[in-house]
Amino acid sequence: MSALSFRVLAAMAACGLTLSACASLRPKPKPVAAAPPVVATPAPAPVIVKVPVPVKEACVPKSLPRAPKYPDTDAALRDAGGAADRYQLMAAGRLLRDRRLADLERVVDGCR
């Protein structure tokens, strides 16, 4: 081997050692601090709110009778013999309507 090749070989060896030494001297990354463990808190219990549901109650009492048959219908007034008969039919119908209206007003006042 010649002196020149020995120098080249020695220079290459020195460069290799330098590079390997530099690689081993790199600063090591600092260990990342572990995040504190996440403690799972239980979800709060759902709040149950009881909403009062309106109960539909019958406002009309069972004792309220059905509407009566009124005697002063158009057909009855046409078939009446005279003015006095028509007047009596109308007066009887009015009395029944007044009584029925009084019953209905009493029921409506109870519902309010």
Protein backbone atom coordinates (compact mmCIF):
# COMPACT_ATOMS: atom_id res chain seq x y z
CA MET A 1 0.00 0.00 0.00
CA SER A 2 1.22 3.34 -0.72
CA ALA A 3 1.48 6.22 1.65
CA LEU A 4 -1.24 8.12 -0.16
CA SER A 5 -3.77 5.36 0.10
CA PHE A 6 -2.88 4.88 3.77
CA ARG A 7 -3.60 8.56 4.42
CA VAL A 8 -6.86 8.41 2.52
CA LEU A 9 -7.88 5.31 4.44
CA ALA A 10 -6.94 6.93 7.75
CA ALA A 11 -8.86 10.11 6.84
CA MET A 12 -11.96 8.12 5.91
CA ALA A 13 -11.77 6.16 9.17
CA ALA A 14 -11.44 9.40 11.13
CA CYS A 15 -14.47 10.87 9.33
CA GLY A 16 -16.52 7.74 10.05
CA LEU A 17 -15.64 7.81 13.73
CA THR A 18 -16.46 11.50 13.93
CA LEU A 19 -19.83 11.02 12.33
CA SER A 20 -20.69 8.09 14.55
CA ALA A 21 -19.57 10.00 17.64
CA CYS A 22 -21.71 12.99 16.65
CA ALA A 23 -24.74 10.78 16.15
CA SER A 24 -24.37 9.30 19.64
CA LEU A 25 -23.99 12.71 21.25
CA ARG A 26 -27.33 14.05 20.00
CA PRO A 27 -29.46 15.31 22.85
CA LYS A 28 -32.04 12.74 23.77
CA PRO A 29 -35.61 13.99 23.69
CA LYS A 30 -36.96 14.77 27.10
CA PRO A 31 -39.56 12.32 28.19
CA VAL A 32 -43.01 13.77 27.86
CA ALA A 33 -44.71 14.00 31.19
CA ALA A 34 -47.64 11.66 31.23
CA ALA A 35 -50.95 13.44 31.41
CA PRO A 36 -52.71 12.88 34.67
CA PRO A 37 -55.21 10.07 34.36
CA VAL A 38 -58.64 11.27 33.43
CA VAL A 39 -61.07 10.29 36.11
CA ALA A 40 -64.46 9.76 34.59
CA THR A 41 -67.04 11.46 36.73
CA PRO A 42 -70.42 9.87 36.51
CA ALA A 43 -73.02 11.93 34.74
CA PRO A 44 -75.47 13.57 37.12
CA ALA A 45 -78.69 11.69 37.51
CA PRO A 46 -81.43 13.08 35.27
CA VAL A 47 -83.92 15.23 37.08
CA ILE A 48 -87.40 13.86 36.71
CA VAL A 49 -90.04 16.53 36.76
CA LYS A 50 -93.59 15.40 37.15
CA VAL A 51 -95.86 17.62 35.14
CA PRO A 52 -99.46 17.45 36.24
CA VAL A 53 -101.55 16.23 33.36
CA PRO A 54 -104.98 17.79 33.34
CA VAL A 55 -107.62 15.14 33.57
CA LYS A 56 -110.61 15.87 31.47
CA GLU A 57 -113.60 15.79 33.71
CA ALA A 58 -117.11 15.87 32.47
CA CYS A 59 -118.44 19.30 33.24
CA VAL A 60 -122.03 18.42 32.46
CA PRO A 61 -123.63 16.40 35.27
CA LYS A 62 -125.39 13.16 34.47
CA SER A 63 -128.54 14.49 36.11
CA LEU A 64 -129.06 17.13 33.40
CA PRO A 65 -132.01 15.92 31.31
CA ARG A 66 -132.07 16.02 27.55
CA ALA A 67 -133.74 18.93 25.81
CA PRO A 68 -137.54 18.62 25.82
CA LYS A 69 -139.68 18.48 22.72
CA TYR A 70 -140.93 22.01 22.33
CA PRO A 71 -144.60 22.28 21.33
CA ASP A 72 -144.20 25.43 19.22
CA THR A 73 -142.61 23.89 16.12
CA ASP A 74 -143.31 25.39 12.71
CA ALA A 75 -145.53 22.47 11.74
CA ALA A 76 -147.54 22.69 14.98
CA LEU A 77 -148.05 26.45 14.57
CA ARG A 78 -149.22 25.99 10.97
CA ASP A 79 -151.65 23.25 11.96
CA ALA A 80 -153.11 25.25 14.88
CA GLY A 81 -156.75 26.18 14.48
CA GLY A 82 -156.52 29.86 15.29
CA ALA A 83 -154.50 32.67 16.81
CA ALA A 84 -155.36 31.65 20.39
CA ASP A 85 -154.10 28.11 19.81
CA ARG A 86 -150.86 29.41 18.28
CA TYR A 87 -150.44 31.76 21.25
CA GLN A 88 -150.86 28.88 23.74
CA LEU A 89 -148.29 26.76 21.86
CA MET A 90 -145.81 29.66 21.85
CA ALA A 91 -146.35 30.37 25.58
CA ALA A 92 -145.83 26.70 26.48
CA GLY A 93 -142.64 26.58 24.37
CA ARG A 94 -141.34 29.73 26.02
CA LEU A 95 -141.85 28.29 29.52
CA LEU A 96 -139.96 25.13 28.57
CA ARG A 97 -137.13 27.14 27.00
CA ASP A 98 -136.80 29.38 30.08
CA ARG A 99 -136.62 26.34 32.38
CA ARG A 100 -134.02 24.68 30.12
CA LEU A 101 -131.96 27.89 29.92
CA ALA A 102 -131.93 28.17 33.73
CA ASP A 103 -130.65 24.57 34.00
CA LEU A 104 -127.94 25.19 31.41
CA GLU A 105 -126.80 28.43 33.05
CA ARG A 106 -126.43 26.60 36.39
CA VAL A 107 -124.28 23.93 34.72
CA VAL A 108 -122.12 26.51 32.86
CA ASP A 109 -121.53 28.45 36.09
CA GLY A 110 -120.38 25.22 37.75
CA CYS A 111 -117.90 24.59 34.93
CA ARG A 112 -116.21 27.96 35.18
